[in-house]
Amino acid sequence: MKFSLEGKSAIITGGASGIGKAITTVFAKQGAYIHILEFDKEAGEKIVAEISATGRAASFYHCDVSNHQQVKKIVEEISKKSKIDILINNAGIAHVGNVENTDESDLDRIYNVNIKGVYNCLHAVVPKMKTQGGGVIVNMASIASSVGISDRFAYSMSKGAVLTMTYSVAKDYVADKIRCNCISPARVHTPFVDGFIKKNYPGQEDEMFEALSKTQPIGRMGKPTEIANLAMYLCSDEASFITGTDFPIDGGFIKLNGQ
């Protein structure tokens, strides 16, 4: 099978909802054993049950990725069961605001999950990959890592850090056969988007959905499965020559907007 992940073990953070859920589902279908690190206990247990029903295998670990010791303990537990072939740093939170209306508490919250959470997982997993002779890491960045987005001060800060952490890890561990890349999606249609529209634009859901969709030159939002398929490729043996690279998947947003 092309892009097979058969026999590989993957840690996926935030793997029970949105893009993370799509990655979990696609990776399981491709044969990987999935270790889901997820803050939402109910969602984590549900996706494990769904994967088990297909005849594939997955494990759920209730985890706050911002908790250094908790992440370290879980990774240690996983490493005693199997190799860690793949790490997907997907868990993240959003924030809307410019520098003036971003409180210190907002900045700390975004930092703790989107930056420290990625660091915690990298810090715990990279030594395991070195010992076993290699591995693949994919970090979830954003178009906000590379271009200015209105009212996304803290979020852009965090995703810029994800991009540069990706470059750093790729450079430092290329000789250890650890590949590290990141994916930068534009707006993707997830339950989070639907909830955001419903909360902020009651009664105007259809109009706002259309307006947000048109911010992508291609005329629609991305689908979680499209992001998952790119992650699948980057983690497969077919992508063994790729490291230290950011992959925008943005419907033309970065290069075509305003042109």
C-alpha atoms as a PDB file:
ATOM      1  CA  MET A   1       0.000   0.000   0.000  1.00  0.00           C
ATOM      2  CA  LYS A   2       1.298   3.439  -0.939  1.00  0.00           C
ATOM      3  CA  PHE A   3       2.015   5.698   2.076  1.00  0.00           C
ATOM      4  CA  SER A   4       1.654   2.747   4.419  1.00  0.00           C
ATOM      5  CA  LEU A   5       2.179   3.290   8.138  1.00  0.00           C
ATOM      6  CA  GLU A   6       1.791  -0.406   8.899  1.00  0.00           C
ATOM      7  CA  GLY A   7       3.658  -1.464  12.018  1.00  0.00           C
ATOM      8  CA  LYS A   8       4.468   2.088  13.063  1.00  0.00           C
ATOM      9  CA  SER A   9       3.574   3.669  16.390  1.00  0.00           C
ATOM     10  CA  ALA A  10       2.346   7.271  16.401  1.00  0.00           C
ATOM     11  CA  ILE A  11       1.747   9.764  19.196  1.00  0.00           C
ATOM     12  CA  ILE A  12      -0.892  12.328  18.221  1.00  0.00           C
ATOM     13  CA  THR A  13      -1.633  15.205  20.574  1.00  0.00           C
ATOM     14  CA  GLY A  14      -5.125  16.658  20.476  1.00  0.00           C
ATOM     15  CA  GLY A  15      -6.019  13.585  18.471  1.00  0.00           C
ATOM     16  CA  ALA A  16      -9.722  13.381  19.305  1.00  0.00           C
ATOM     17  CA  SER A  17     -11.211  16.437  17.615  1.00  0.00           C
ATOM     18  CA  GLY A  18     -10.963  18.524  14.453  1.00  0.00           C
ATOM     19  CA  ILE A  19      -7.748  18.115  12.484  1.00  0.00           C
ATOM     20  CA  GLY A  20      -6.308  15.836  15.160  1.00  0.00           C
ATOM     21  CA  LYS A  21      -9.233  13.447  14.886  1.00  0.00           C
ATOM     22  CA  ALA A  22      -8.824  13.324  11.117  1.00  0.00           C
ATOM     23  CA  ILE A  23      -5.109  12.541  11.490  1.00  0.00           C
ATOM     24  CA  THR A  24      -5.882   9.819  14.026  1.00  0.00           C
ATOM     25  CA  THR A  25      -8.465   8.251  11.713  1.00  0.00           C
ATOM     26  CA  VAL A  26      -6.291   8.377   8.585  1.00  0.00           C
ATOM     27  CA  PHE A  27      -3.192   7.073  10.357  1.00  0.00           C
ATOM     28  CA  ALA A  28      -5.121   4.174  11.886  1.00  0.00           C
ATOM     29  CA  LYS A  29      -6.518   3.291   8.458  1.00  0.00           C
ATOM     30  CA  GLN A  30      -2.966   3.285   7.084  1.00  0.00           C
ATOM     31  CA  GLY A  31      -1.950   0.750   9.726  1.00  0.00           C
ATOM     32  CA  ALA A  32      -0.350   2.793  12.494  1.00  0.00           C
ATOM     33  CA  TYR A  33      -0.920   2.061  16.168  1.00  0.00           C
ATOM     34  CA  ILE A  34      -2.168   5.323  17.627  1.00  0.00           C
ATOM     35  CA  HIS A  35      -1.381   6.806  21.041  1.00  0.00           C
ATOM     36  CA  ILE A  36      -3.794   9.706  21.558  1.00  0.00           C
ATOM     37  CA  LEU A  37      -2.828  12.426  24.034  1.00  0.00           C
ATOM     38  CA  GLU A  38      -6.004  14.406  24.616  1.00  0.00           C
ATOM     39  CA  PHE A  39      -7.331  16.808  27.249  1.00  0.00           C
ATOM     40  CA  ASP A  40     -10.995  15.974  26.533  1.00  0.00           C
ATOM     41  CA  LYS A  41     -11.463  12.600  28.238  1.00  0.00           C
ATOM     42  CA  GLU A  42     -14.854  11.840  26.703  1.00  0.00           C
ATOM     43  CA  ALA A  43     -13.670  12.646  23.169  1.00  0.00           C
ATOM     44  CA  GLY A  44     -10.503  10.594  23.661  1.00  0.00           C
ATOM     45  CA  GLU A  45     -12.386   7.505  24.777  1.00  0.00           C
ATOM     46  CA  LYS A  46     -14.873   7.922  21.926  1.00  0.00           C
ATOM     47  CA  ILE A  47     -12.269   8.019  19.149  1.00  0.00           C
ATOM     48  CA  VAL A  48     -10.509   4.962  20.583  1.00  0.00           C
ATOM     49  CA  ALA A  49     -13.826   3.085  20.477  1.00  0.00           C
ATOM     50  CA  GLU A  50     -14.387   4.202  16.878  1.00  0.00           C
ATOM     51  CA  ILE A  51     -10.958   3.012  15.796  1.00  0.00           C
ATOM     52  CA  SER A  52     -11.357  -0.283  17.637  1.00  0.00           C
ATOM     53  CA  ALA A  53     -14.639  -0.858  15.804  1.00  0.00           C
ATOM     54  CA  THR A  54     -12.725  -0.796  12.502  1.00  0.00           C
ATOM     55  CA  GLY A  55     -10.382  -3.535  13.692  1.00  0.00           C
ATOM     56  CA  ARG A  56      -7.460  -1.187  14.272  1.00  0.00           C
ATOM     57  CA  ALA A  57      -5.847  -0.352  17.606  1.00  0.00           C
ATOM     58  CA  ALA A  58      -5.407   2.835  19.606  1.00  0.00           C
ATOM     59  CA  SER A  59      -4.762   3.949  23.172  1.00  0.00           C
ATOM     60  CA  PHE A  60      -5.957   7.075  24.951  1.00  0.00           C
ATOM     61  CA  TYR A  61      -3.970   9.043  27.531  1.00  0.00           C
ATOM     62  CA  HIS A  62      -5.693  11.851  29.387  1.00  0.00           C
ATOM     63  CA  CYS A  63      -3.111  14.603  29.046  1.00  0.00           C
ATOM     64  CA  ASP A  64      -2.564  18.316  29.439  1.00  0.00           C
ATOM     65  CA  VAL A  65       0.336  18.918  27.049  1.00  0.00           C
ATOM     66  CA  SER A  66       1.336  22.045  28.996  1.00  0.00           C
ATOM     67  CA  ASN A  67       2.186  19.840  31.992  1.00  0.00           C
ATOM     68  CA  HIS A  68       5.855  18.891  31.559  1.00  0.00           C
ATOM     69  CA  GLN A  69       5.935  16.043  34.057  1.00  0.00           C
ATOM     70  CA  GLN A  70       2.680  14.550  32.831  1.00  0.00           C
ATOM     71  CA  VAL A  71       3.873  14.476  29.227  1.00  0.00           C
ATOM     72  CA  LYS A  72       7.211  12.985  30.272  1.00  0.00           C
ATOM     73  CA  LYS A  73       5.486  10.249  32.280  1.00  0.00           C
ATOM     74  CA  ILE A  74       3.123   9.310  29.450  1.00  0.00           C
ATOM     75  CA  VAL A  75       5.887   9.207  26.838  1.00  0.00           C
ATOM     76  CA  GLU A  76       7.943   7.008  29.158  1.00  0.00           C
ATOM     77  CA  GLU A  77       4.953   4.678  29.534  1.00  0.00           C
ATOM     78  CA  ILE A  78       4.440   4.491  25.764  1.00  0.00           C
ATOM     79  CA  SER A  79       8.129   3.864  25.090  1.00  0.00           C
ATOM     80  CA  LYS A  80       8.041   0.778  27.321  1.00  0.00           C
ATOM     81  CA  LYS A  81       5.360  -0.718  25.072  1.00  0.00           C
ATOM     82  CA  SER A  82       6.766   0.124  21.649  1.00  0.00           C
ATOM     83  CA  LYS A  83       9.017   2.353  19.602  1.00  0.00           C
ATOM     84  CA  ILE A  84       7.803   5.873  18.939  1.00  0.00           C
ATOM     85  CA  ASP A  85       8.084   6.153  15.181  1.00  0.00           C
ATOM     86  CA  ILE A  86       5.943   9.264  14.723  1.00  0.00           C
ATOM     87  CA  LEU A  87       5.065  12.348  16.771  1.00  0.00           C
ATOM     88  CA  ILE A  88       2.301  14.693  15.632  1.00  0.00           C
ATOM     89  CA  ASN A  89       2.256  17.904  17.669  1.00  0.00           C
ATOM     90  CA  ASN A  90      -1.305  18.948  16.876  1.00  0.00           C
ATOM     91  CA  ALA A  91      -2.785  20.101  20.200  1.00  0.00           C
ATOM     92  CA  GLY A  92      -3.369  23.834  20.257  1.00  0.00           C
ATOM     93  CA  ILE A  93      -5.761  26.609  21.218  1.00  0.00           C
ATOM     94  CA  ALA A  94      -6.833  29.817  19.495  1.00  0.00           C
ATOM     95  CA  HIS A  95      -7.096  33.437  20.554  1.00  0.00           C
ATOM     96  CA  VAL A  96      -8.519  36.531  18.860  1.00  0.00           C
ATOM     97  CA  GLY A  97      -6.996  39.919  19.689  1.00  0.00           C
ATOM     98  CA  ASN A  98      -4.304  42.473  18.949  1.00  0.00           C
ATOM     99  CA  VAL A  99      -1.453  43.433  21.281  1.00  0.00           C
ATOM    100  CA  GLU A 100      -3.585  46.019  23.129  1.00  0.00           C
ATOM    101  CA  ASN A 101      -6.475  43.755  24.034  1.00  0.00           C
ATOM    102  CA  THR A 102      -4.427  40.616  24.646  1.00  0.00           C
ATOM    103  CA  ASP A 103      -4.135  40.250  28.418  1.00  0.00           C
ATOM    104  CA  GLU A 104      -1.100  38.764  30.100  1.00  0.00           C
ATOM    105  CA  SER A 105      -3.255  35.779  31.081  1.00  0.00           C
ATOM    106  CA  ASP A 106      -4.228  35.270  27.410  1.00  0.00           C
ATOM    107  CA  LEU A 107      -0.581  35.310  26.360  1.00  0.00           C
ATOM    108  CA  ASP A 108       0.400  32.866  29.103  1.00  0.00           C
ATOM    109  CA  ARG A 109      -2.434  30.491  28.199  1.00  0.00           C
ATOM    110  CA  ILE A 110      -1.473  30.458  24.513  1.00  0.00           C
ATOM    111  CA  TYR A 111       2.217  30.050  25.342  1.00  0.00           C
ATOM    112  CA  ASN A 112       1.598  27.164  27.742  1.00  0.00           C
ATOM    113  CA  VAL A 113      -0.333  25.061  25.222  1.00  0.00           C
ATOM    114  CA  ASN A 114       0.906  26.102  21.780  1.00  0.00           C
ATOM    115  CA  ILE A 115       4.598  26.599  22.554  1.00  0.00           C
ATOM    116  CA  LYS A 116       5.441  24.874  25.819  1.00  0.00           C
ATOM    117  CA  GLY A 117       3.138  21.976  24.903  1.00  0.00           C
ATOM    118  CA  VAL A 118       5.092  21.384  21.693  1.00  0.00           C
ATOM    119  CA  TYR A 119       8.389  21.727  23.575  1.00  0.00           C
ATOM    120  CA  ASN A 120       7.238  19.246  26.234  1.00  0.00           C
ATOM    121  CA  CYS A 121       6.467  16.598  23.631  1.00  0.00           C
ATOM    122  CA  LEU A 122       9.651  17.228  21.650  1.00  0.00           C
ATOM    123  CA  HIS A 123      11.745  17.179  24.832  1.00  0.00           C
ATOM    124  CA  ALA A 124      10.254  13.822  25.852  1.00  0.00           C
ATOM    125  CA  VAL A 125      10.157  12.095  22.461  1.00  0.00           C
ATOM    126  CA  VAL A 126      13.364  13.166  20.683  1.00  0.00           C
ATOM    127  CA  PRO A 127      15.686  11.216  23.062  1.00  0.00           C
ATOM    128  CA  LYS A 128      13.580   8.095  22.464  1.00  0.00           C
ATOM    129  CA  MET A 129      13.839   8.530  18.708  1.00  0.00           C
ATOM    130  CA  LYS A 130      17.606   9.038  18.954  1.00  0.00           C
ATOM    131  CA  THR A 131      18.018   5.817  20.932  1.00  0.00           C
ATOM    132  CA  GLN A 132      15.907   3.776  18.510  1.00  0.00           C
ATOM    133  CA  GLY A 133      17.662   5.113  15.413  1.00  0.00           C
ATOM    134  CA  GLY A 134      15.279   7.719  14.027  1.00  0.00           C
ATOM    135  CA  GLY A 135      11.708   8.881  13.670  1.00  0.00           C
ATOM    136  CA  VAL A 136       9.398  11.436  12.111  1.00  0.00           C
ATOM    137  CA  ILE A 137       7.937  14.575  13.679  1.00  0.00           C
ATOM    138  CA  VAL A 138       5.209  16.768  12.208  1.00  0.00           C
ATOM    139  CA  ASN A 139       4.279  19.982  14.003  1.00  0.00           C
ATOM    140  CA  MET A 140       1.042  21.822  13.307  1.00  0.00           C
ATOM    141  CA  ALA A 141       1.942  25.417  12.474  1.00  0.00           C
ATOM    142  CA  SER A 142      -0.302  27.863  10.584  1.00  0.00           C
ATOM    143  CA  ILE A 143      -0.340  30.402   7.792  1.00  0.00           C
ATOM    144  CA  ALA A 144      -0.105  32.831  10.745  1.00  0.00           C
ATOM    145  CA  SER A 145       3.471  31.560  11.164  1.00  0.00           C
ATOM    146  CA  SER A 146       4.433  33.236   7.899  1.00  0.00           C
ATOM    147  CA  VAL A 147       2.039  36.120   7.120  1.00  0.00           C
ATOM    148  CA  GLY A 148       0.253  38.800   9.097  1.00  0.00           C
ATOM    149  CA  ILE A 149      -3.295  37.954  10.174  1.00  0.00           C
ATOM    150  CA  SER A 150      -5.489  40.634  11.744  1.00  0.00           C
ATOM    151  CA  ASP A 151      -6.265  40.243  15.451  1.00  0.00           C
ATOM    152  CA  ARG A 152      -4.144  37.153  15.967  1.00  0.00           C
ATOM    153  CA  PHE A 153      -1.243  38.596  17.991  1.00  0.00           C
ATOM    154  CA  ALA A 154      -0.805  35.814  20.562  1.00  0.00           C
ATOM    155  CA  TYR A 155      -1.795  33.014  18.203  1.00  0.00           C
ATOM    156  CA  SER A 156       0.637  34.226  15.516  1.00  0.00           C
ATOM    157  CA  MET A 157       3.381  34.471  18.142  1.00  0.00           C
ATOM    158  CA  SER A 158       2.817  30.867  19.125  1.00  0.00           C
ATOM    159  CA  LYS A 159       2.666  29.474  15.610  1.00  0.00           C
ATOM    160  CA  GLY A 160       5.763  31.419  14.594  1.00  0.00           C
ATOM    161  CA  ALA A 161       7.516  29.611  17.423  1.00  0.00           C
ATOM    162  CA  VAL A 162       6.256  26.250  16.158  1.00  0.00           C
ATOM    163  CA  LEU A 163       7.725  27.014  12.734  1.00  0.00           C
ATOM    164  CA  THR A 164      11.156  27.908  14.102  1.00  0.00           C
ATOM    165  CA  MET A 165      11.174  24.995  16.557  1.00  0.00           C
ATOM    166  CA  THR A 166      10.598  22.777  13.528  1.00  0.00           C
ATOM    167  CA  TYR A 167      13.637  24.195  11.738  1.00  0.00           C
ATOM    168  CA  SER A 168      15.779  23.875  14.857  1.00  0.00           C
ATOM    169  CA  VAL A 169      14.902  20.239  15.561  1.00  0.00           C
ATOM    170  CA  ALA A 170      15.349  19.290  11.904  1.00  0.00           C
ATOM    171  CA  LYS A 171      18.812  20.861  11.878  1.00  0.00           C
ATOM    172  CA  ASP A 172      19.974  19.465  15.221  1.00  0.00           C
ATOM    173  CA  TYR A 173      18.872  15.862  14.643  1.00  0.00           C
ATOM    174  CA  VAL A 174      19.273  15.210  10.938  1.00  0.00           C
ATOM    175  CA  ALA A 175      22.308  13.022  11.674  1.00  0.00           C
ATOM    176  CA  ASP A 176      20.156  10.998  14.096  1.00  0.00           C
ATOM    177  CA  LYS A 177      17.756  10.165  11.246  1.00  0.00           C
ATOM    178  CA  ILE A 178      14.952  12.214  12.804  1.00  0.00           C
ATOM    179  CA  ARG A 179      12.933  14.084  10.199  1.00  0.00           C
ATOM    180  CA  CYS A 180      10.976  17.141  11.370  1.00  0.00           C
ATOM    181  CA  ASN A 181       8.541  19.158   9.254  1.00  0.00           C
ATOM    182  CA  CYS A 182       5.516  21.325   9.875  1.00  0.00           C
ATOM    183  CA  ILE A 183       2.165  21.916   8.210  1.00  0.00           C
ATOM    184  CA  SER A 184       0.630  25.392   7.923  1.00  0.00           C
ATOM    185  CA  PRO A 185      -3.108  25.252   7.253  1.00  0.00           C
ATOM    186  CA  ALA A 186      -5.303  28.208   6.431  1.00  0.00           C
ATOM    187  CA  ARG A 187      -8.878  28.132   7.737  1.00  0.00           C
ATOM    188  CA  VAL A 188     -10.142  24.550   8.047  1.00  0.00           C
ATOM    189  CA  HIS A 189     -13.797  23.624   8.552  1.00  0.00           C
ATOM    190  CA  THR A 190     -13.901  22.027  11.994  1.00  0.00           C
ATOM    191  CA  PRO A 191     -16.500  21.999  14.802  1.00  0.00           C
ATOM    192  CA  PHE A 192     -14.487  24.857  16.335  1.00  0.00           C
ATOM    193  CA  VAL A 193     -15.299  27.082  13.332  1.00  0.00           C
ATOM    194  CA  ASP A 194     -18.997  26.214  13.515  1.00  0.00           C
ATOM    195  CA  GLY A 195     -19.030  26.964  17.243  1.00  0.00           C
ATOM    196  CA  PHE A 196     -17.211  30.268  16.742  1.00  0.00           C
ATOM    197  CA  ILE A 197     -19.714  31.404  14.114  1.00  0.00           C
ATOM    198  CA  LYS A 198     -22.723  30.319  16.164  1.00  0.00           C
ATOM    199  CA  LYS A 199     -21.449  32.113  19.269  1.00  0.00           C
ATOM    200  CA  ASN A 200     -20.409  35.373  17.611  1.00  0.00           C
ATOM    201  CA  TYR A 201     -22.904  35.665  14.735  1.00  0.00           C
ATOM    202  CA  PRO A 202     -26.230  34.147  15.870  1.00  0.00           C
ATOM    203  CA  GLY A 203     -28.769  34.135  13.080  1.00  0.00           C
ATOM    204  CA  GLN A 204     -26.095  34.875  10.481  1.00  0.00           C
ATOM    205  CA  GLU A 205     -24.400  31.507  10.416  1.00  0.00           C
ATOM    206  CA  ASP A 206     -24.796  30.818   6.685  1.00  0.00           C
ATOM    207  CA  GLU A 207     -23.662  34.286   5.627  1.00  0.00           C
ATOM    208  CA  MET A 208     -20.617  34.235   7.884  1.00  0.00           C
ATOM    209  CA  PHE A 209     -19.640  30.731   6.836  1.00  0.00           C
ATOM    210  CA  GLU A 210     -19.683  31.857   3.214  1.00  0.00           C
ATOM    211  CA  ALA A 211     -17.715  35.012   4.005  1.00  0.00           C
ATOM    212  CA  LEU A 212     -15.043  33.084   5.898  1.00  0.00           C
ATOM    213  CA  SER A 213     -14.853  30.492   3.127  1.00  0.00           C
ATOM    214  CA  LYS A 214     -14.188  33.213   0.554  1.00  0.00           C
ATOM    215  CA  THR A 215     -11.126  34.458   2.444  1.00  0.00           C
ATOM    216  CA  GLN A 216      -9.325  31.545   0.775  1.00  0.00           C
ATOM    217  CA  PRO A 217      -8.675  32.289  -2.923  1.00  0.00           C
ATOM    218  CA  ILE A 218      -9.780  28.763  -3.775  1.00  0.00           C
ATOM    219  CA  GLY A 219     -13.245  29.708  -2.477  1.00  0.00           C
ATOM    220  CA  ARG A 220     -13.709  27.289   0.411  1.00  0.00           C
ATOM    221  CA  MET A 221     -12.253  26.187   3.721  1.00  0.00           C
ATOM    222  CA  GLY A 222      -9.962  23.213   3.953  1.00  0.00           C
ATOM    223  CA  LYS A 223     -11.191  19.822   5.109  1.00  0.00           C
ATOM    224  CA  PRO A 224      -9.587  18.126   8.127  1.00  0.00           C
ATOM    225  CA  THR A 225      -8.955  15.018   6.031  1.00  0.00           C
ATOM    226  CA  GLU A 226      -6.940  17.060   3.548  1.00  0.00           C
ATOM    227  CA  ILE A 227      -4.597  18.137   6.335  1.00  0.00           C
ATOM    228  CA  ALA A 228      -4.457  14.558   7.608  1.00  0.00           C
ATOM    229  CA  ASN A 229      -3.519  13.225   4.176  1.00  0.00           C
ATOM    230  CA  LEU A 230      -0.589  15.637   3.985  1.00  0.00           C
ATOM    231  CA  ALA A 231       0.554  14.542   7.456  1.00  0.00           C
ATOM    232  CA  MET A 232       0.244  10.919   6.337  1.00  0.00           C
ATOM    233  CA  TYR A 233       2.506  11.544   3.365  1.00  0.00           C
ATOM    234  CA  LEU A 234       5.119  13.371   5.438  1.00  0.00           C
ATOM    235  CA  CYS A 235       5.243  10.492   7.926  1.00  0.00           C
ATOM    236  CA  SER A 236       5.449   7.781   5.288  1.00  0.00           C
ATOM    237  CA  ASP A 237       8.607   6.256   3.846  1.00  0.00           C
ATOM    238  CA  GLU A 238       7.761   7.927   0.526  1.00  0.00           C
ATOM    239  CA  ALA A 239       8.705  11.261   2.168  1.00  0.00           C
ATOM    240  CA  SER A 240      12.048  10.032   3.512  1.00  0.00           C
ATOM    241  CA  PHE A 241      13.982  12.797   1.686  1.00  0.00           C
ATOM    242  CA  ILE A 242      11.951  15.617   3.284  1.00  0.00           C
ATOM    243  CA  THR A 243      12.985  17.416   6.471  1.00  0.00           C
ATOM    244  CA  GLY A 244      13.174  20.963   7.794  1.00  0.00           C
ATOM    245  CA  THR A 245      10.317  22.197   5.633  1.00  0.00           C
ATOM    246  CA  ASP A 246       7.055  24.063   6.200  1.00  0.00           C
ATOM    247  CA  PHE A 247       4.128  22.917   4.073  1.00  0.00           C
ATOM    248  CA  PRO A 248       1.368  25.522   3.588  1.00  0.00           C
ATOM    249  CA  ILE A 249      -1.995  23.956   2.771  1.00  0.00           C
ATOM    250  CA  ASP A 250      -4.003  27.095   2.359  1.00  0.00           C
ATOM    251  CA  GLY A 251      -6.136  27.251  -0.767  1.00  0.00           C
ATOM    252  CA  GLY A 252      -3.724  29.827  -2.159  1.00  0.00           C
ATOM    253  CA  PHE A 253      -3.967  32.196   0.819  1.00  0.00           C
ATOM    254  CA  ILE A 254      -0.279  33.041   1.240  1.00  0.00           C
ATOM    255  CA  LYS A 255       0.644  33.540  -2.411  1.00  0.00           C
ATOM    256  CA  LEU A 256      -2.618  34.592  -4.068  1.00  0.00           C
ATOM    257  CA  ASN A 257      -4.445  36.888  -1.654  1.00  0.00           C
ATOM    258  CA  GLY A 258      -4.510  40.462  -2.917  1.00  0.00           C
ATOM    259  CA  GLN A 259      -3.126  39.532  -6.334  1.00  0.00           C
END
